[in-house]
C-alpha atoms as a PDB file:
ATOM      1  CA  MET A   1     128.004  99.114 101.797  1.00  0.00           C
ATOM      2  CA  ARG A   2     125.781  96.812 103.797  1.00  0.00           C
ATOM      3  CA  ALA A   3     122.380  98.475 104.108  1.00  0.00           C
ATOM      4  CA  PRO A   4     118.794  97.263 104.063  1.00  0.00           C
ATOM      5  CA  ALA A   5     116.455  98.811 101.519  1.00  0.00           C
ATOM      6  CA  SER A   6     112.675  99.197 101.587  1.00  0.00           C
ATOM      7  CA  ASP A   7     109.802 100.892  99.816  1.00  0.00           C
ATOM      8  CA  GLU A   8     107.553 102.270 102.533  1.00  0.00           C
ATOM      9  CA  PHE A   9     103.783 102.171 102.790  1.00  0.00           C
ATOM     10  CA  ASP A  10     103.476 104.917 105.369  1.00  0.00           C
ATOM     11  CA  GLY A  11     100.662 106.885 103.709  1.00  0.00           C
ATOM     12  CA  PRO A  12      97.860 105.698 106.013  1.00  0.00           C
ATOM     13  CA  LEU A  13      99.832 106.366 109.216  1.00  0.00           C
ATOM     14  CA  ASP A  14      98.966 109.418 111.304  1.00  0.00           C
ATOM     15  CA  PRO A  15     101.840 111.787 112.298  1.00  0.00           C
ATOM     16  CA  ASP A  16     102.394 110.111 115.688  1.00  0.00           C
ATOM     17  CA  ARG A  17     102.599 106.670 114.117  1.00  0.00           C
ATOM     18  CA  LYS A  18     104.985 107.977 111.437  1.00  0.00           C
ATOM     19  CA  ARG A  19     107.363 109.130 114.196  1.00  0.00           C
ATOM     20  CA  MET A  20     107.002 105.752 115.928  1.00  0.00           C
ATOM     21  CA  PHE A  21     107.640 103.997 112.613  1.00  0.00           C
ATOM     22  CA  MET A  22     110.885 105.941 112.068  1.00  0.00           C
ATOM     23  CA  ALA A  23     112.001 105.276 115.651  1.00  0.00           C
ATOM     24  CA  MET A  24     111.388 101.559 115.055  1.00  0.00           C
ATOM     25  CA  LYS A  25     113.406 101.661 111.824  1.00  0.00           C
ATOM     26  CA  ARG A  26     116.316 103.403 113.579  1.00  0.00           C
ATOM     27  CA  ARG A  27     116.260 100.731 116.307  1.00  0.00           C
ATOM     28  CA  VAL A  28     116.354  97.982 113.665  1.00  0.00           C
ATOM     29  CA  LEU A  29     119.434  99.633 112.152  1.00  0.00           C
ATOM     30  CA  GLU A  30     121.080  99.769 115.558  1.00  0.00           C
ATOM     31  CA  LEU A  31     120.296  96.142 116.397  1.00  0.00           C
ATOM     32  CA  GLY A  32     121.356  94.951 112.950  1.00  0.00           C
ATOM     33  CA  GLY A  33     124.627  96.860 112.998  1.00  0.00           C
ATOM     34  CA  TYR A  34     123.725  98.932 109.945  1.00  0.00           C
ATOM     35  CA  ALA A  35     124.971 102.477 109.395  1.00  0.00           C
ATOM     36  CA  ARG A  36     122.010 103.433 107.202  1.00  0.00           C
ATOM     37  CA  GLU A  37     118.972 102.185 105.316  1.00  0.00           C
ATOM     38  CA  LEU A  38     117.903 103.128 101.824  1.00  0.00           C
ATOM     39  CA  PHE A  39     114.155 103.647 101.823  1.00  0.00           C
ATOM     40  CA  VAL A  40     111.543 105.191  99.574  1.00  0.00           C
ATOM     41  CA  PRO A  41     109.030 107.119 101.680  1.00  0.00           C
ATOM     42  CA  GLN A  42     105.536 107.781 100.382  1.00  0.00           C
ATOM     43  CA  THR A  43     104.910 111.007 102.306  1.00  0.00           C
ATOM     44  CA  PRO A  44     106.768 114.290 102.852  1.00  0.00           C
ATOM     45  CA  GLU A  45     106.648 113.693 106.625  1.00  0.00           C
ATOM     46  CA  LEU A  46     108.960 110.670 106.430  1.00  0.00           C
ATOM     47  CA  THR A  47     111.183 112.358 103.851  1.00  0.00           C
ATOM     48  CA  ALA A  48     111.646 115.197 106.345  1.00  0.00           C
ATOM     49  CA  MET A  49     112.698 112.690 109.037  1.00  0.00           C
ATOM     50  CA  ALA A  50     115.440 111.164 106.869  1.00  0.00           C
ATOM     51  CA  ASP A  51     119.095 111.818 107.671  1.00  0.00           C
ATOM     52  CA  ALA A  52     119.783 112.465 103.974  1.00  0.00           C
ATOM     53  CA  VAL A  53     117.748 112.609 100.763  1.00  0.00           C
ATOM     54  CA  ILE A  54     118.641 111.580  97.217  1.00  0.00           C
ATOM     55  CA  ASP A  55     116.460 113.824  95.036  1.00  0.00           C
ATOM     56  CA  LEU A  56     116.277 112.118  91.640  1.00  0.00           C
ATOM     57  CA  ASP A  57     114.137 114.913  90.154  1.00  0.00           C
ATOM     58  CA  ALA A  58     116.793 117.480  91.050  1.00  0.00           C
ATOM     59  CA  MET A  59     119.533 115.243  89.657  1.00  0.00           C
ATOM     60  CA  GLU A  60     117.655 114.878  86.363  1.00  0.00           C
ATOM     61  CA  ALA A  61     117.128 118.643  86.147  1.00  0.00           C
ATOM     62  CA  LEU A  62     120.866 119.219  86.652  1.00  0.00           C
ATOM     63  CA  ARG A  63     121.721 116.603  84.064  1.00  0.00           C
ATOM     64  CA  SER A  64     119.418 118.130  81.456  1.00  0.00           C
ATOM     65  CA  THR A  65     120.766 121.679  82.005  1.00  0.00           C
ATOM     66  CA  SER A  66     124.420 120.655  81.809  1.00  0.00           C
ATOM     67  CA  SER A  67     124.397 118.932  78.421  1.00  0.00           C
ATOM     68  CA  VAL A  68     127.686 118.610  76.554  1.00  0.00           C
ATOM     69  CA  GLU A  69     127.829 120.486  73.254  1.00  0.00           C
END
């Protein structure tokens, strides 16, 4: 899978700028021919704008409750 990855510093952006930031990122994907980007948002607002979310906390909770005996 060819996909850019980034750790975002979106915390100081106001809600309007967060939407602009995501629109810019989607345009970069389009221009670069990428299907998706892996990014680590710093605020719930950008997490909510993502197409999909990998919730590592939920995965860890599932792993710890399904231990093999």
